[in-house]
PDB file of all heavy atoms in Angstrom:
ATOM      1  N   LYS A   1     102.061 114.417  90.837  1.00  0.00           N
ATOM      2  CA  LYS A   1     101.032 114.154  91.847  1.00  0.00           C
ATOM      3  C   LYS A   1     101.688 113.913  93.212  1.00  0.00           C
ATOM      4  O   LYS A   1     101.198 114.410  94.227  1.00  0.00           O
ATOM      5  CB  LYS A   1     100.193 112.939  91.445  1.00  0.00           C
ATOM      6  CG  LYS A   1      99.053 112.654  92.402  1.00  0.00           C
ATOM      7  CD  LYS A   1      98.182 111.510  91.910  1.00  0.00           C
ATOM      8  CE  LYS A   1      97.019 111.256  92.860  1.00  0.00           C
ATOM      9  NZ  LYS A   1      96.153 110.126  92.389  1.00  0.00           N
ATOM     10  N   THR A   2     102.787 113.154  93.200  1.00  0.00           N
ATOM     11  CA  THR A   2     103.508 112.908  94.475  1.00  0.00           C
ATOM     12  C   THR A   2     104.026 114.192  95.072  1.00  0.00           C
ATOM     13  O   THR A   2     103.916 114.421  96.275  1.00  0.00           O
ATOM     14  CB  THR A   2     104.689 111.935  94.218  1.00  0.00           C
ATOM     15  OG1 THR A   2     104.179 110.713  93.671  1.00  0.00           O
ATOM     16  CG2 THR A   2     105.439 111.629  95.503  1.00  0.00           C
ATOM     17  N   LEU A   3     104.618 115.034  94.239  1.00  0.00           N
ATOM     18  CA  LEU A   3     105.073 116.349  94.712  1.00  0.00           C
ATOM     19  C   LEU A   3     103.935 117.176  95.244  1.00  0.00           C
ATOM     20  O   LEU A   3     104.045 117.812  96.305  1.00  0.00           O
ATOM     21  CB  LEU A   3     105.755 117.109  93.563  1.00  0.00           C
ATOM     22  CG  LEU A   3     107.266 117.055  93.481  1.00  0.00           C
ATOM     23  CD1 LEU A   3     107.760 117.759  92.212  1.00  0.00           C
ATOM     24  CD2 LEU A   3     107.931 117.664  94.692  1.00  0.00           C
ATOM     25  N   GLY A   4     102.833 117.178  94.511  1.00  0.00           N
ATOM     26  CA  GLY A   4     101.666 117.958  94.928  1.00  0.00           C
ATOM     27  C   GLY A   4     101.098 117.481  96.270  1.00  0.00           C
ATOM     28  O   GLY A   4     100.768 118.298  97.132  1.00  0.00           O
ATOM     29  N   LEU A   5     101.013 116.170  96.440  1.00  0.00           N
ATOM     30  CA  LEU A   5     100.487 115.629  97.692  1.00  0.00           C
ATOM     31  C   LEU A   5     101.356 116.016  98.865  1.00  0.00           C
ATOM     32  O   LEU A   5     100.866 116.252  99.987  1.00  0.00           O
ATOM     33  CB  LEU A   5     100.378 114.103  97.603  1.00  0.00           C
ATOM     34  CG  LEU A   5      99.272 113.554  96.699  1.00  0.00           C
ATOM     35  CD1 LEU A   5      99.404 112.052  96.572  1.00  0.00           C
ATOM     36  CD2 LEU A   5      97.883 113.921  97.250  1.00  0.00           C
ATOM     37  N   ARG A   6     102.677 116.108  98.652  1.00  0.00           N
ATOM     38  CA  ARG A   6     103.589 116.440  99.763  1.00  0.00           C
ATOM     39  C   ARG A   6     103.610 117.939 100.022  1.00  0.00           C
ATOM     40  O   ARG A   6     103.569 118.379 101.173  1.00  0.00           O
ATOM     41  CB  ARG A   6     105.018 115.968  99.413  1.00  0.00           C
ATOM     42  CG  ARG A   6     106.025 116.292 100.546  1.00  0.00           C
ATOM     43  CD  ARG A   6     105.609 115.618 101.850  1.00  0.00           C
ATOM     44  NE  ARG A   6     106.429 116.001 102.982  1.00  0.00           N
ATOM     45  CZ  ARG A   6     106.129 116.952 103.850  1.00  0.00           C
ATOM     46  NH1 ARG A   6     105.016 117.684 103.678  1.00  0.00           N
ATOM     47  NH2 ARG A   6     106.890 117.191 104.891  1.00  0.00           N
ATOM     48  N   LEU A   7     103.666 118.752  98.977  1.00  0.00           N
ATOM     49  CA  LEU A   7     103.836 120.187  99.160  1.00  0.00           C
ATOM     50  C   LEU A   7     102.509 120.934  99.314  1.00  0.00           C
ATOM     51  O   LEU A   7     102.518 122.074  99.785  1.00  0.00           O
ATOM     52  CB  LEU A   7     104.629 120.768  97.988  1.00  0.00           C
ATOM     53  CG  LEU A   7     106.051 120.222  97.803  1.00  0.00           C
ATOM     54  CD1 LEU A   7     106.708 120.866  96.593  1.00  0.00           C
ATOM     55  CD2 LEU A   7     106.889 120.490  99.044  1.00  0.00           C
ATOM     56  N   LYS A   8     101.413 120.306  98.931  1.00  0.00           N
ATOM     57  CA  LYS A   8     100.119 120.986  99.029  1.00  0.00           C
ATOM     58  C   LYS A   8      99.211 120.351 100.066  1.00  0.00           C
ATOM     59  O   LYS A   8      97.984 120.329  99.911  1.00  0.00           O
ATOM     60  CB  LYS A   8      99.435 121.014  97.654  1.00  0.00           C
ATOM     61  CG  LYS A   8     100.136 121.884  96.635  1.00  0.00           C
ATOM     62  CD  LYS A   8      99.248 122.196  95.437  1.00  0.00           C
ATOM     63  CE  LYS A   8      98.898 120.969  94.648  1.00  0.00           C
ATOM     64  NZ  LYS A   8      98.131 121.307  93.422  1.00  0.00           N
ATOM     65  N   ARG A   9      99.817 119.807 101.106  1.00  0.00           N
ATOM     66  CA  ARG A   9      99.015 119.245 102.182  1.00  0.00           C
ATOM     67  C   ARG A   9      98.124 120.337 102.775  1.00  0.00           C
ATOM     68  O   ARG A   9      98.460 121.528 102.725  1.00  0.00           O
ATOM     69  CB  ARG A   9      99.911 118.643 103.257  1.00  0.00           C
ATOM     70  CG  ARG A   9     100.821 117.533 102.748  1.00  0.00           C
ATOM     71  CD  ARG A   9     101.583 116.882 103.884  1.00  0.00           C
ATOM     72  NE  ARG A   9     100.692 116.091 104.735  1.00  0.00           N
ATOM     73  CZ  ARG A   9     100.340 114.855 104.471  1.00  0.00           C
ATOM     74  NH1 ARG A   9     100.792 114.258 103.377  1.00  0.00           N
ATOM     75  NH2 ARG A   9      99.559 114.189 105.269  1.00  0.00           N
ATOM     76  N   ARG A  10      97.025 119.962 103.366  1.00  0.00           N
ATOM     77  CA  ARG A  10      96.043 120.924 103.844  1.00  0.00           C
ATOM     78  C   ARG A  10      96.684 121.957 104.763  1.00  0.00           C
ATOM     79  O   ARG A  10      97.290 121.619 105.769  1.00  0.00           O
ATOM     80  CB  ARG A  10      94.929 120.197 104.585  1.00  0.00           C
ATOM     81  CG  ARG A  10      93.796 121.106 105.037  1.00  0.00           C
ATOM     82  CD  ARG A  10      92.617 120.303 105.517  1.00  0.00           C
ATOM     83  NE  ARG A  10      92.981 119.414 106.609  1.00  0.00           N
ATOM     84  CZ  ARG A  10      92.165 118.491 107.125  1.00  0.00           C
ATOM     85  NH1 ARG A  10      90.959 118.340 106.614  1.00  0.00           N
ATOM     86  NH2 ARG A  10      92.569 117.715 108.108  1.00  0.00           N
ATOM     87  N   GLY A  11      96.555 123.216 104.369  1.00  0.00           N
ATOM     88  CA  GLY A  11      97.078 124.334 105.178  1.00  0.00           C
ATOM     89  C   GLY A  11      98.565 124.560 105.059  1.00  0.00           C
ATOM     90  O   GLY A  11      99.110 125.440 105.723  1.00  0.00           O
ATOM     91  N   ALA A  12      99.239 123.805 104.197  1.00  0.00           N
ATOM     92  CA  ALA A  12     100.700 123.930 104.094  1.00  0.00           C
ATOM     93  C   ALA A  12     101.091 125.214 103.383  1.00  0.00           C
ATOM     94  O   ALA A  12     100.578 125.546 102.332  1.00  0.00           O
ATOM     95  CB  ALA A  12     101.289 122.731 103.368  1.00  0.00           C
ATOM     96  N   ARG A  13     102.029 125.942 103.998  1.00  0.00           N
ATOM     97  CA  ARG A  13     102.650 127.105 103.364  1.00  0.00           C
ATOM     98  C   ARG A  13     104.164 127.007 103.632  1.00  0.00           C
ATOM     99  O   ARG A  13     104.573 126.733 104.771  1.00  0.00           O
ATOM    100  CB  ARG A  13     102.092 128.411 103.931  1.00  0.00           C
ATOM    101  CG  ARG A  13     100.633 128.652 103.638  1.00  0.00           C
ATOM    102  CD  ARG A  13     100.143 129.932 104.281  1.00  0.00           C
ATOM    103  NE  ARG A  13     100.796 131.085 103.687  1.00  0.00           N
ATOM    104  CZ  ARG A  13     100.966 132.253 104.339  1.00  0.00           C
ATOM    105  NH1 ARG A  13     100.590 132.354 105.618  1.00  0.00           N
ATOM    106  NH2 ARG A  13     101.550 133.265 103.744  1.00  0.00           N
ATOM    107  N   TRP A  14     104.951 127.246 102.615  1.00  0.00           N
ATOM    108  CA  TRP A  14     106.384 127.007 102.699  1.00  0.00           C
ATOM    109  C   TRP A  14     107.172 128.303 102.561  1.00  0.00           C
ATOM    110  O   TRP A  14     106.798 129.170 101.755  1.00  0.00           O
ATOM    111  CB  TRP A  14     106.822 126.055 101.576  1.00  0.00           C
ATOM    112  CG  TRP A  14     106.210 124.705 101.654  1.00  0.00           C
ATOM    113  CD1 TRP A  14     104.983 124.313 101.184  1.00  0.00           C
ATOM    114  CD2 TRP A  14     106.777 123.540 102.277  1.00  0.00           C
ATOM    115  NE1 TRP A  14     104.761 122.989 101.446  1.00  0.00           N
ATOM    116  CE2 TRP A  14     105.848 122.488 102.113  1.00  0.00           C
ATOM    117  CE3 TRP A  14     107.980 123.290 102.921  1.00  0.00           C
ATOM    118  CZ2 TRP A  14     106.075 121.199 102.602  1.00  0.00           C
ATOM    119  CZ3 TRP A  14     108.220 122.013 103.397  1.00  0.00           C
ATOM    120  CH2 TRP A  14     107.273 120.994 103.241  1.00  0.00           C
ATOM    121  N   ASN A  15     108.225 128.404 103.339  1.00  0.00           N
ATOM    122  CA  ASN A  15     109.206 129.452 103.024  1.00  0.00           C
ATOM    123  C   ASN A  15     109.789 129.099 101.671  1.00  0.00           C
ATOM    124  O   ASN A  15     110.151 127.953 101.402  1.00  0.00           O
ATOM    125  CB  ASN A  15     110.320 129.481 104.073  1.00  0.00           C
ATOM    126  CG  ASN A  15     109.825 129.972 105.430  1.00  0.00           C
ATOM    127  OD1 ASN A  15     108.956 130.847 105.493  1.00  0.00           O
ATOM    128  ND2 ASN A  15     110.352 129.415 106.492  1.00  0.00           N
ATOM    129  N   LYS A  16     109.882 130.099 100.818  1.00  0.00           N
ATOM    130  CA  LYS A  16     110.293 129.840  99.439  1.00  0.00           C
ATOM    131  C   LYS A  16     111.651 129.125  99.388  1.00  0.00           C
ATOM    132  O   LYS A  16     111.871 128.273  98.522  1.00  0.00           O
ATOM    133  CB  LYS A  16     110.328 131.148  98.656  1.00  0.00           C
ATOM    134  CG  LYS A  16     110.500 130.948  97.165  1.00  0.00           C
ATOM    135  CD  LYS A  16     110.423 132.263  96.427  1.00  0.00           C
ATOM    136  CE  LYS A  16     110.629 132.061  94.924  1.00  0.00           C
ATOM    137  NZ  LYS A  16     110.588 133.338  94.184  1.00  0.00           N
ATOM    138  N   ARG A  17     112.547 129.491 100.309  1.00  0.00           N
ATOM    139  CA  ARG A  17     113.879 128.888 100.278  1.00  0.00           C
ATOM    140  C   ARG A  17     113.863 127.399 100.602  1.00  0.00           C
ATOM    141  O   ARG A  17     114.808 126.667 100.300  1.00  0.00           O
ATOM    142  CB  ARG A  17     114.808 129.604 101.263  1.00  0.00           C
ATOM    143  CG  ARG A  17     114.434 129.410 102.715  1.00  0.00           C
ATOM    144  CD  ARG A  17     115.424 130.072 103.653  1.00  0.00           C
ATOM    145  NE  ARG A  17     115.108 129.850 105.048  1.00  0.00           N
ATOM    146  CZ  ARG A  17     114.259 130.580 105.761  1.00  0.00           C
ATOM    147  NH1 ARG A  17     113.637 131.602 105.184  1.00  0.00           N
ATOM    148  NH2 ARG A  17     114.022 130.290 107.033  1.00  0.00           N
ATOM    149  N   ASN A  18     112.756 126.923 101.218  1.00  0.00           N
ATOM    150  CA  ASN A  18     112.686 125.505 101.584  1.00  0.00           C
ATOM    151  C   ASN A  18     111.961 124.650 100.525  1.00  0.00           C
ATOM    152  O   ASN A  18     111.940 123.436 100.661  1.00  0.00           O
ATOM    153  CB  ASN A  18     111.966 125.356 102.916  1.00  0.00           C
ATOM    154  CG  ASN A  18     112.749 125.908 104.087  1.00  0.00           C
ATOM    155  OD1 ASN A  18     113.969 125.934 104.055  1.00  0.00           O
ATOM    156  ND2 ASN A  18     112.060 126.368 105.117  1.00  0.00           N
ATOM    157  N   VAL A  19     111.384 125.302  99.520  1.00  0.00           N
ATOM    158  CA  VAL A  19     110.663 124.540  98.499  1.00  0.00           C
ATOM    159  C   VAL A  19     111.617 123.677  97.683  1.00  0.00           C
ATOM    160  O   VAL A  19     111.359 122.487  97.450  1.00  0.00           O
ATOM    161  CB  VAL A  19     109.858 125.480  97.580  1.00  0.00           C
ATOM    162  CG1 VAL A  19     109.263 124.705  96.414  1.00  0.00           C
ATOM    163  CG2 VAL A  19     108.752 126.174  98.358  1.00  0.00           C
ATOM    164  N   GLN A  20     112.726 124.267  97.258  1.00  0.00           N
ATOM    165  CA  GLN A  20     113.687 123.534  96.437  1.00  0.00           C
ATOM    166  C   GLN A  20     114.255 122.309  97.175  1.00  0.00           C
ATOM    167  O   GLN A  20     114.296 121.205  96.603  1.00  0.00           O
ATOM    168  CB  GLN A  20     114.830 124.433  95.980  1.00  0.00           C
ATOM    169  CG  GLN A  20     115.799 123.774  95.004  1.00  0.00           C
ATOM    170  CD  GLN A  20     115.142 123.353  93.725  1.00  0.00           C
ATOM    171  OE1 GLN A  20     114.611 124.178  92.997  1.00  0.00           O
ATOM    172  NE2 GLN A  20     115.139 122.057  93.422  1.00  0.00           N
ATOM    173  N   PRO A  21     114.684 122.447  98.427  1.00  0.00           N
ATOM    174  CA  PRO A  21     115.158 121.236  99.131  1.00  0.00           C
ATOM    175  C   PRO A  21     114.112 120.156  99.239  1.00  0.00           C
ATOM    176  O   PRO A  21     114.425 118.967  99.043  1.00  0.00           O
ATOM    177  CB  PRO A  21     115.536 121.788 100.532  1.00  0.00           C
ATOM    178  CG  PRO A  21     115.890 123.212 100.276  1.00  0.00           C
ATOM    179  CD  PRO A  21     114.948 123.680  99.218  1.00  0.00           C
ATOM    180  N   MET A  22     112.851 120.522  99.538  1.00  0.00           N
ATOM    181  CA  MET A  22     111.810 119.507  99.659  1.00  0.00           C
ATOM    182  C   MET A  22     111.484 118.876  98.314  1.00  0.00           C
ATOM    183  O   MET A  22     111.246 117.676  98.186  1.00  0.00           O
ATOM    184  CB  MET A  22     110.558 120.097 100.282  1.00  0.00           C
ATOM    185  CG  MET A  22     110.651 120.332 101.767  1.00  0.00           C
ATOM    186  SD  MET A  22     111.089 118.836 102.708  1.00  0.00           S
ATOM    187  CE  MET A  22     109.733 117.747 102.303  1.00  0.00           C
ATOM    188  N   ALA A  23     111.486 119.702  97.254  1.00  0.00           N
ATOM    189  CA  ALA A  23     111.222 119.181  95.904  1.00  0.00           C
ATOM    190  C   ALA A  23     112.342 118.207  95.509  1.00  0.00           C
ATOM    191  O   ALA A  23     112.086 117.136  94.924  1.00  0.00           O
ATOM    192  CB  ALA A  23     111.126 120.311  94.898  1.00  0.00           C
ATOM    193  N   SER A  24     113.589 118.573  95.839  1.00  0.00           N
ATOM    194  CA  SER A  24     114.711 117.678  95.515  1.00  0.00           C
ATOM    195  C   SER A  24     114.611 116.390  96.304  1.00  0.00           C
ATOM    196  O   SER A  24     114.901 115.306  95.787  1.00  0.00           O
ATOM    197  CB  SER A  24     116.028 118.384  95.832  1.00  0.00           C
ATOM    198  OG  SER A  24     116.246 119.490  94.979  1.00  0.00           O
ATOM    199  N   LEU A  25     114.185 116.478  97.565  1.00  0.00           N
ATOM    200  CA  LEU A  25     114.014 115.285  98.395  1.00  0.00           C
ATOM    201  C   LEU A  25     113.016 114.333  97.760  1.00  0.00           C
ATOM    202  O   LEU A  25     113.259 113.134  97.628  1.00  0.00           O
ATOM    203  CB  LEU A  25     113.545 115.676  99.791  1.00  0.00           C
ATOM    204  CG  LEU A  25     113.076 114.512 100.697  1.00  0.00           C
ATOM    205  CD1 LEU A  25     114.242 113.641 101.096  1.00  0.00           C
ATOM    206  CD2 LEU A  25     112.364 115.061 101.938  1.00  0.00           C
ATOM    207  N   VAL A  26     111.858 114.862  97.343  1.00  0.00           N
ATOM    208  CA  VAL A  26     110.825 114.013  96.738  1.00  0.00           C
ATOM    209  C   VAL A  26     111.325 113.408  95.422  1.00  0.00           C
ATOM    210  O   VAL A  26     111.103 112.226  95.136  1.00  0.00           O
ATOM    211  CB  VAL A  26     109.542 114.841  96.497  1.00  0.00           C
ATOM    212  CG1 VAL A  26     108.503 113.995  95.773  1.00  0.00           C
ATOM    213  CG2 VAL A  26     108.961 115.308  97.854  1.00  0.00           C
ATOM    214  N   CYS A  27     112.024 114.227  94.608  1.00  0.00           N
ATOM    215  CA  CYS A  27     112.527 113.728  93.334  1.00  0.00           C
ATOM    216  C   CYS A  27     113.561 112.632  93.536  1.00  0.00           C
ATOM    217  O   CYS A  27     113.532 111.601  92.835  1.00  0.00           O
ATOM    218  CB  CYS A  27     113.151 114.897  92.540  1.00  0.00           C
ATOM    219  SG  CYS A  27     111.936 116.041  91.858  1.00  0.00           S
ATOM    220  N   VAL A  28     114.454 112.812  94.487  1.00  0.00           N
ATOM    221  CA  VAL A  28     115.467 111.783  94.740  1.00  0.00           C
ATOM    222  C   VAL A  28     114.841 110.531  95.318  1.00  0.00           C
ATOM    223  O   VAL A  28     115.168 109.401  94.957  1.00  0.00           O
ATOM    224  CB  VAL A  28     116.559 112.341  95.687  1.00  0.00           C
ATOM    225  CG1 VAL A  28     117.473 111.218  96.172  1.00  0.00           C
ATOM    226  CG2 VAL A  28     117.366 113.410  94.979  1.00  0.00           C
ATOM    227  N   ARG A  29     113.892 110.728  96.245  1.00  0.00           N
ATOM    228  CA  ARG A  29     113.259 109.591  96.929  1.00  0.00           C
ATOM    229  C   ARG A  29     112.559 108.661  95.936  1.00  0.00           C
ATOM    230  O   ARG A  29     112.582 107.420  96.108  1.00  0.00           O
ATOM    231  CB  ARG A  29     112.247 110.113  97.955  1.00  0.00           C
ATOM    232  CG  ARG A  29     111.302 109.070  98.528  1.00  0.00           C
ATOM    233  CD  ARG A  29     112.022 108.032  99.344  1.00  0.00           C
ATOM    234  NE  ARG A  29     111.132 106.976  99.763  1.00  0.00           N
ATOM    235  CZ  ARG A  29     110.945 105.811  99.114  1.00  0.00           C
ATOM    236  NH1 ARG A  29     111.612 105.578  97.982  1.00  0.00           N
ATOM    237  NH2 ARG A  29     110.119 104.905  99.560  1.00  0.00           N
ATOM    238  N   HIS A  30     111.918 109.184  94.925  1.00  0.00           N
ATOM    239  CA  HIS A  30     111.106 108.381  94.021  1.00  0.00           C
ATOM    240  C   HIS A  30     111.777 108.112  92.685  1.00  0.00           C
ATOM    241  O   HIS A  30     111.085 107.780  91.701  1.00  0.00           O
ATOM    242  CB  HIS A  30     109.756 109.054  93.820  1.00  0.00           C
ATOM    243  CG  HIS A  30     108.937 109.124  95.076  1.00  0.00           C
ATOM    244  ND1 HIS A  30     108.270 108.032  95.597  1.00  0.00           N
ATOM    245  CD2 HIS A  30     108.701 110.150  95.944  1.00  0.00           C
ATOM    246  CE1 HIS A  30     107.644 108.377  96.715  1.00  0.00           C
ATOM    247  NE2 HIS A  30     107.894 109.662  96.955  1.00  0.00           N
ATOM    248  N   THR A  31     113.090 108.236  92.625  1.00  0.00           N
ATOM    249  CA  THR A  31     113.811 107.942  91.387  1.00  0.00           C
ATOM    250  C   THR A  31     115.040 107.082  91.680  1.00  0.00           C
ATOM    251  O   THR A  31     115.247 106.624  92.811  1.00  0.00           O
ATOM    252  CB  THR A  31     114.253 109.234  90.648  1.00  0.00           C
ATOM    253  OG1 THR A  31     115.200 109.945  91.483  1.00  0.00           O
ATOM    254  CG2 THR A  31     113.056 110.130  90.363  1.00  0.00           C
ATOM    255  N   SER A  32     115.868 106.913  90.665  1.00  0.00           N
ATOM    256  CA  SER A  32     117.039 106.050  90.786  1.00  0.00           C
ATOM    257  C   SER A  32     118.176 106.674  91.577  1.00  0.00           C
ATOM    258  O   SER A  32     119.226 106.032  91.745  1.00  0.00           O
ATOM    259  CB  SER A  32     117.546 105.683  89.380  1.00  0.00           C
ATOM    260  OG  SER A  32     116.525 105.098  88.602  1.00  0.00           O
ATOM    261  N   GLN A  33     118.011 107.896  92.082  1.00  0.00           N
ATOM    262  CA  GLN A  33     119.093 108.582  92.795  1.00  0.00           C
ATOM    263  C   GLN A  33     119.064 108.337  94.315  1.00  0.00           C
ATOM    264  O   GLN A  33     119.976 108.769  95.004  1.00  0.00           O
ATOM    265  CB  GLN A  33     119.037 110.086  92.524  1.00  0.00           C
ATOM    266  CG  GLN A  33     119.420 110.458  91.106  1.00  0.00           C
ATOM    267  CD  GLN A  33     119.466 111.967  90.910  1.00  0.00           C
ATOM    268  OE1 GLN A  33     118.481 112.674  91.141  1.00  0.00           O
ATOM    269  NE2 GLN A  33     120.606 112.460  90.483  1.00  0.00           N
ATOM    270  N   TRP A  34     118.053 107.656  94.796  1.00  0.00           N
ATOM    271  CA  TRP A  34     117.906 107.486  96.241  1.00  0.00           C
ATOM    272  C   TRP A  34     119.100 106.739  96.859  1.00  0.00           C
ATOM    273  O   TRP A  34     119.746 107.232  97.779  1.00  0.00           O
ATOM    274  CB  TRP A  34     116.612 106.753  96.534  1.00  0.00           C
ATOM    275  CG  TRP A  34     116.319 106.450  97.990  1.00  0.00           C
ATOM    276  CD1 TRP A  34     116.325 105.238  98.586  1.00  0.00           C
ATOM    277  CD2 TRP A  34     115.998 107.412  99.011  1.00  0.00           C
ATOM    278  NE1 TRP A  34     115.994 105.357  99.930  1.00  0.00           N
ATOM    279  CE2 TRP A  34     115.791 106.669 100.224  1.00  0.00           C
ATOM    280  CE3 TRP A  34     115.855 108.792  99.049  1.00  0.00           C
ATOM    281  CZ2 TRP A  34     115.467 107.282 101.427  1.00  0.00           C
ATOM    282  CZ3 TRP A  34     115.521 109.396 100.251  1.00  0.00           C
ATOM    283  CH2 TRP A  34     115.330 108.669 101.419  1.00  0.00           C
ATOM    284  N   GLU A  35     119.401 105.564  96.354  1.00  0.00           N
ATOM    285  CA  GLU A  35     120.510 104.779  96.928  1.00  0.00           C
ATOM    286  C   GLU A  35     121.869 105.430  96.677  1.00  0.00           C
ATOM    287  O   GLU A  35     122.709 105.442  97.589  1.00  0.00           O
ATOM    288  CB  GLU A  35     120.467 103.345  96.390  1.00  0.00           C
ATOM    289  CG  GLU A  35     119.291 102.528  96.938  1.00  0.00           C
ATOM    290  CD  GLU A  35     119.263 102.453  98.465  1.00  0.00           C
ATOM    291  OE1 GLU A  35     120.340 102.518  99.094  1.00  0.00           O
ATOM    292  OE2 GLU A  35     118.155 102.349  99.030  1.00  0.00           O
ATOM    293  N   PRO A  36     122.142 105.927  95.449  1.00  0.00           N
ATOM    294  CA  PRO A  36     123.428 106.610  95.250  1.00  0.00           C
ATOM    295  C   PRO A  36     123.668 107.762  96.220  1.00  0.00           C
ATOM    296  O   PRO A  36     124.795 107.964  96.685  1.00  0.00           O
ATOM    297  CB  PRO A  36     123.361 107.124  93.803  1.00  0.00           C
ATOM    298  CG  PRO A  36     122.456 106.140  93.128  1.00  0.00           C
ATOM    299  CD  PRO A  36     121.423 105.770  94.168  1.00  0.00           C
ATOM    300  N   TYR A  37     122.588 108.518  96.558  1.00  0.00           N
ATOM    301  CA  TYR A  37     122.771 109.611  97.510  1.00  0.00           C
ATOM    302  C   TYR A  37     123.190 109.068  98.865  1.00  0.00           C
ATOM    303  O   TYR A  37     124.157 109.578  99.473  1.00  0.00           O
ATOM    304  CB  TYR A  37     121.469 110.416  97.661  1.00  0.00           C
ATOM    305  CG  TYR A  37     121.554 111.411  98.800  1.00  0.00           C
ATOM    306  CD1 TYR A  37     122.219 112.617  98.641  1.00  0.00           C
ATOM    307  CD2 TYR A  37     120.999 111.125 100.058  1.00  0.00           C
ATOM    308  CE1 TYR A  37     122.336 113.521  99.685  1.00  0.00           C
ATOM    309  CE2 TYR A  37     121.105 112.020 101.110  1.00  0.00           C
ATOM    310  CZ  TYR A  37     121.780 113.220 100.919  1.00  0.00           C
ATOM    311  OH  TYR A  37     121.927 114.103 101.972  1.00  0.00           O
ATOM    312  N   TRP A  38     122.523 108.053  99.377  1.00  0.00           N
ATOM    313  CA  TRP A  38     122.840 107.541 100.716  1.00  0.00           C
ATOM    314  C   TRP A  38     124.167 106.797 100.750  1.00  0.00           C
ATOM    315  O   TRP A  38     124.796 106.704 101.795  1.00  0.00           O
ATOM    316  CB  TRP A  38     121.692 106.685 101.220  1.00  0.00           C
ATOM    317  CG  TRP A  38     120.492 107.514 101.573  1.00  0.00           C
ATOM    318  CD1 TRP A  38     119.359 107.669 100.869  1.00  0.00           C
ATOM    319  CD2 TRP A  38     120.396 108.419 102.684  1.00  0.00           C
ATOM    320  NE1 TRP A  38     118.521 108.566 101.456  1.00  0.00           N
ATOM    321  CE2 TRP A  38     119.129 109.049 102.581  1.00  0.00           C
ATOM    322  CE3 TRP A  38     121.214 108.728 103.753  1.00  0.00           C
ATOM    323  CZ2 TRP A  38     118.689 109.977 103.516  1.00  0.00           C
ATOM    324  CZ3 TRP A  38     120.775 109.668 104.707  1.00  0.00           C
ATOM    325  CH2 TRP A  38     119.538 110.275 104.571  1.00  0.00           C
TER     326      TRP A  38
END
């Protein structure tokens, strides 16, 4: 749901090459990997 809310915002269309980076950002942000990354 969190991924969907971010990537499916009204009118949002993504270059396919940018979907993976944004998906990884959301996954890292909302899991235990956030602090280790920074």
